[in-house]
Amino acid sequence: MPSIIGGKYKRTNISVPNKLVRPTSALKREAIFSILESYAIKNSINIYKDKSVIDIFAGSGLIGLEAISRGMKKSYFIENNEKVLKILKNNCRKICKNNECEIIFENAITALDRSFDVVPSIIFLDPPYYQENIKLILLKILNNKIKSDKTIIIVETNKNEELVIPNKLKMFKEKIYGNTKILFLN
């Protein structure tokens, strides 16, 4: 059973639905947050205080919950699998207090048509491999002005998946872990 790896809820176990999701491993989560925090320091950005994370294809919610544990004001979880939703809700109850989380039960494209009341500093995209049009989702984020100049978009995908990144985004880091590729965009 995976657990939160940093912050005030460190070592809190998180439930993961069997065979329905591909949770981001502790090694990858540690790398993601290390890269994010390093980038934030270099660019004088506070990624946690009064900011949010949008966890698209949230699954068990590990990334958003990890961000809450590290001081993020709010996590938005976008998930459209009913079987996964119950586990996500239970995980949120363990970690999130008051209005620290909002679960959006819709597909990614529709969910991104809404407004987010807390500015996101991180948008995390971890779709099922080879099943989603990542470029379309990125364009939706850009066209709906969800991303600010300082928002970092992270895309986790299969290392062999060809991605077309919109011209308005620049990749500043790419990491490969086994069969997984993680892109950091701004």
Protein backbone atom coordinates (compact mmCIF):
# COMPACT_ATOMS: atom_id res chain seq x y z
CA MET A 1 0.00 0.00 0.00
CA PRO A 2 1.54 3.35 -1.03
CA SER A 3 1.90 6.17 1.45
CA ILE A 4 2.47 9.92 1.48
CA ILE A 5 6.24 10.53 1.32
CA GLY A 6 6.58 14.13 2.51
CA GLY A 7 5.01 16.85 4.59
CA LYS A 8 2.69 16.75 7.58
CA TYR A 9 0.92 13.52 6.53
CA LYS A 10 4.12 11.61 5.75
CA ARG A 11 3.67 7.83 6.09
CA THR A 12 -0.14 8.02 5.84
CA ASN A 13 -1.27 5.00 3.83
CA ILE A 14 -3.30 5.59 0.69
CA SER A 15 -5.63 2.97 -0.77
CA VAL A 16 -5.25 2.09 -4.44
CA PRO A 17 -7.88 0.26 -6.50
CA ASN A 18 -6.48 -2.98 -7.86
CA LYS A 19 -5.95 -3.11 -11.63
CA LEU A 20 -7.98 0.06 -12.28
CA VAL A 21 -5.20 2.63 -11.91
CA ARG A 22 -1.45 2.90 -12.26
CA PRO A 23 -0.35 4.76 -9.10
CA THR A 24 2.70 6.99 -9.33
CA SER A 25 5.41 5.19 -7.36
CA ALA A 26 7.15 6.73 -4.35
CA LEU A 27 10.37 7.04 -6.38
CA LYS A 28 8.60 8.97 -9.16
CA ARG A 29 6.64 11.14 -6.70
CA GLU A 30 9.83 12.02 -4.83
CA ALA A 31 11.50 12.97 -8.13
CA ILE A 32 8.48 15.00 -9.28
CA PHE A 33 8.29 17.03 -6.08
CA SER A 34 12.06 17.45 -5.92
CA ILE A 35 12.10 18.84 -9.48
CA LEU A 36 9.08 21.07 -8.75
CA GLU A 37 10.58 22.47 -5.56
CA SER A 38 13.97 23.03 -7.18
CA TYR A 39 12.34 24.81 -10.13
CA ALA A 40 10.28 26.95 -7.74
CA ILE A 41 13.38 28.02 -5.78
CA LYS A 42 15.33 28.87 -8.96
CA ASN A 43 12.43 30.92 -10.30
CA SER A 44 11.31 32.49 -7.00
CA ILE A 45 7.88 30.85 -7.18
CA ASN A 46 5.90 29.66 -4.18
CA ILE A 47 4.14 26.55 -5.47
CA TYR A 48 2.24 25.73 -2.27
CA LYS A 49 1.03 28.82 -0.38
CA ASP A 50 -2.44 29.90 -1.55
CA LYS A 51 -2.11 27.71 -4.67
CA SER A 52 -3.75 24.54 -5.97
CA VAL A 53 -2.95 21.42 -7.90
CA ILE A 54 -5.23 19.99 -10.57
CA ASP A 55 -4.77 16.21 -10.61
CA ILE A 56 -6.27 15.04 -13.93
CA PHE A 57 -7.01 11.30 -14.17
CA ALA A 58 -6.54 11.38 -10.38
CA GLY A 59 -7.05 7.69 -9.62
CA SER A 60 -6.24 7.24 -5.93
CA GLY A 61 -5.21 10.91 -5.71
CA LEU A 62 -1.59 10.34 -4.69
CA ILE A 63 -0.17 13.47 -6.39
CA GLY A 64 -2.85 15.86 -5.13
CA LEU A 65 -2.74 14.39 -1.62
CA GLU A 66 1.05 14.59 -1.58
CA ALA A 67 0.75 18.29 -2.50
CA ILE A 68 -1.76 18.90 0.33
CA SER A 69 0.61 17.19 2.77
CA ARG A 70 3.38 19.56 1.63
CA GLY A 71 1.28 22.70 2.17
CA MET A 72 -0.85 23.17 -0.96
CA LYS A 73 -4.04 25.12 -0.25
CA LYS A 74 -6.32 22.98 -2.44
CA SER A 75 -6.32 19.93 -4.68
CA TYR A 76 -8.79 19.45 -7.52
CA PHE A 77 -9.18 15.80 -8.46
CA ILE A 78 -10.61 15.01 -11.90
CA GLU A 79 -11.70 11.39 -12.21
CA ASN A 80 -14.50 9.74 -14.18
CA ASN A 81 -14.27 6.08 -13.13
CA GLU A 82 -17.04 5.27 -10.62
CA LYS A 83 -15.16 2.30 -9.16
CA VAL A 84 -12.13 4.50 -8.44
CA LEU A 85 -14.21 7.39 -7.08
CA LYS A 86 -15.09 5.68 -3.78
CA ILE A 87 -11.43 4.99 -3.00
CA LEU A 88 -10.46 8.55 -3.99
CA LYS A 89 -13.13 9.98 -1.65
CA ASN A 90 -11.89 7.82 1.25
CA ASN A 91 -8.28 8.88 0.63
CA CYS A 92 -9.33 12.54 0.60
CA ARG A 93 -11.12 12.11 3.92
CA LYS A 94 -7.84 10.86 5.46
CA ILE A 95 -5.78 13.86 4.34
CA CYS A 96 -7.91 16.85 3.39
CA LYS A 97 -9.49 19.20 5.91
CA ASN A 98 -12.27 21.76 5.30
CA ASN A 99 -12.12 22.90 1.67
CA GLU A 100 -8.69 21.49 0.80
CA CYS A 101 -10.02 19.23 -1.94
CA GLU A 102 -12.68 19.09 -4.60
CA ILE A 103 -13.49 15.95 -6.55
CA ILE A 104 -14.79 16.55 -10.05
CA PHE A 105 -16.55 13.47 -11.41
CA GLU A 106 -16.30 14.15 -15.15
CA ASN A 107 -14.10 13.34 -18.09
CA ALA A 108 -11.00 15.53 -18.40
CA ILE A 109 -12.15 17.59 -21.38
CA THR A 110 -15.51 18.54 -19.84
CA ALA A 111 -14.03 19.14 -16.38
CA LEU A 112 -11.57 21.69 -17.78
CA ASP A 113 -14.45 23.92 -18.91
CA ARG A 114 -15.04 25.00 -15.31
CA SER A 115 -13.31 27.72 -13.36
CA PHE A 116 -10.94 26.88 -10.53
CA ASP A 117 -11.25 29.30 -7.61
CA VAL A 118 -7.69 28.69 -6.35
CA VAL A 119 -4.96 29.40 -8.92
CA PRO A 120 -3.10 26.20 -9.87
CA SER A 121 0.67 26.16 -9.59
CA ILE A 122 0.73 22.50 -10.69
CA ILE A 123 -1.37 20.61 -13.21
CA PHE A 124 -0.66 16.88 -13.23
CA LEU A 125 -1.77 14.74 -16.15
CA ASP A 126 -1.47 10.95 -15.88
CA PRO A 127 -3.88 9.49 -18.45
CA PRO A 128 -4.20 5.81 -19.29
CA TYR A 129 -1.33 5.09 -21.68
CA TYR A 130 -2.18 5.51 -25.38
CA GLN A 131 -5.88 6.17 -24.65
CA GLU A 132 -6.17 9.95 -24.37
CA ASN A 133 -5.36 12.84 -26.66
CA ILE A 134 -2.89 14.65 -24.42
CA LYS A 135 -2.42 17.52 -26.90
CA LEU A 136 -6.18 18.19 -26.84
CA ILE A 137 -6.15 18.32 -23.03
CA LEU A 138 -3.14 20.66 -23.03
CA LEU A 139 -4.85 22.93 -25.57
CA LYS A 140 -7.98 22.98 -23.40
CA ILE A 141 -5.86 24.07 -20.41
CA LEU A 142 -4.28 26.86 -22.48
CA ASN A 143 -7.46 28.00 -24.26
CA ASN A 144 -9.45 28.14 -21.02
CA LYS A 145 -6.66 30.13 -19.38
CA ILE A 146 -6.35 27.66 -16.51
CA LYS A 147 -2.56 27.89 -16.64
CA SER A 148 -0.83 31.05 -15.44
CA ASP A 149 2.71 32.02 -16.48
CA LYS A 150 4.03 30.28 -13.37
CA THR A 151 1.93 27.10 -13.57
CA ILE A 152 3.91 23.92 -14.16
CA ILE A 153 2.27 21.12 -16.14
CA ILE A 154 3.52 17.59 -15.55
CA VAL A 155 2.64 14.82 -18.00
CA GLU A 156 3.27 11.18 -17.06
CA THR A 157 3.01 8.77 -19.94
CA ASN A 158 4.58 5.70 -21.53
CA LYS A 159 8.15 6.39 -22.61
CA ASN A 160 7.33 5.31 -26.19
CA GLU A 161 4.19 7.42 -26.54
CA GLU A 162 4.63 10.24 -29.06
CA LEU A 163 3.43 13.53 -27.65
CA VAL A 164 2.73 16.70 -29.55
CA ILE A 165 3.18 19.64 -27.23
CA PRO A 166 1.42 22.91 -28.15
CA ASN A 167 3.77 25.74 -29.20
CA LYS A 168 2.81 27.90 -26.21
CA LEU A 169 4.37 25.35 -23.84
CA LYS A 170 8.07 24.64 -23.38
CA MET A 171 9.49 21.48 -21.88
CA PHE A 172 12.09 22.27 -19.23
CA LYS A 173 12.73 18.73 -17.96
CA GLU A 174 12.16 15.14 -19.04
CA LYS A 175 12.78 12.07 -16.89
CA ILE A 176 12.51 8.39 -17.82
CA TYR A 177 11.80 5.74 -15.18
CA GLY A 178 11.49 2.24 -16.63
CA ASN A 179 8.56 2.42 -19.06
CA THR A 180 7.43 5.82 -17.79
CA LYS A 181 8.26 9.25 -19.20
CA ILE A 182 7.61 12.38 -17.14
CA LEU A 183 7.59 15.76 -18.87
CA PHE A 184 7.71 19.12 -17.08
CA LEU A 185 6.20 21.96 -19.09
CA ASN A 186 5.83 25.66 -18.61
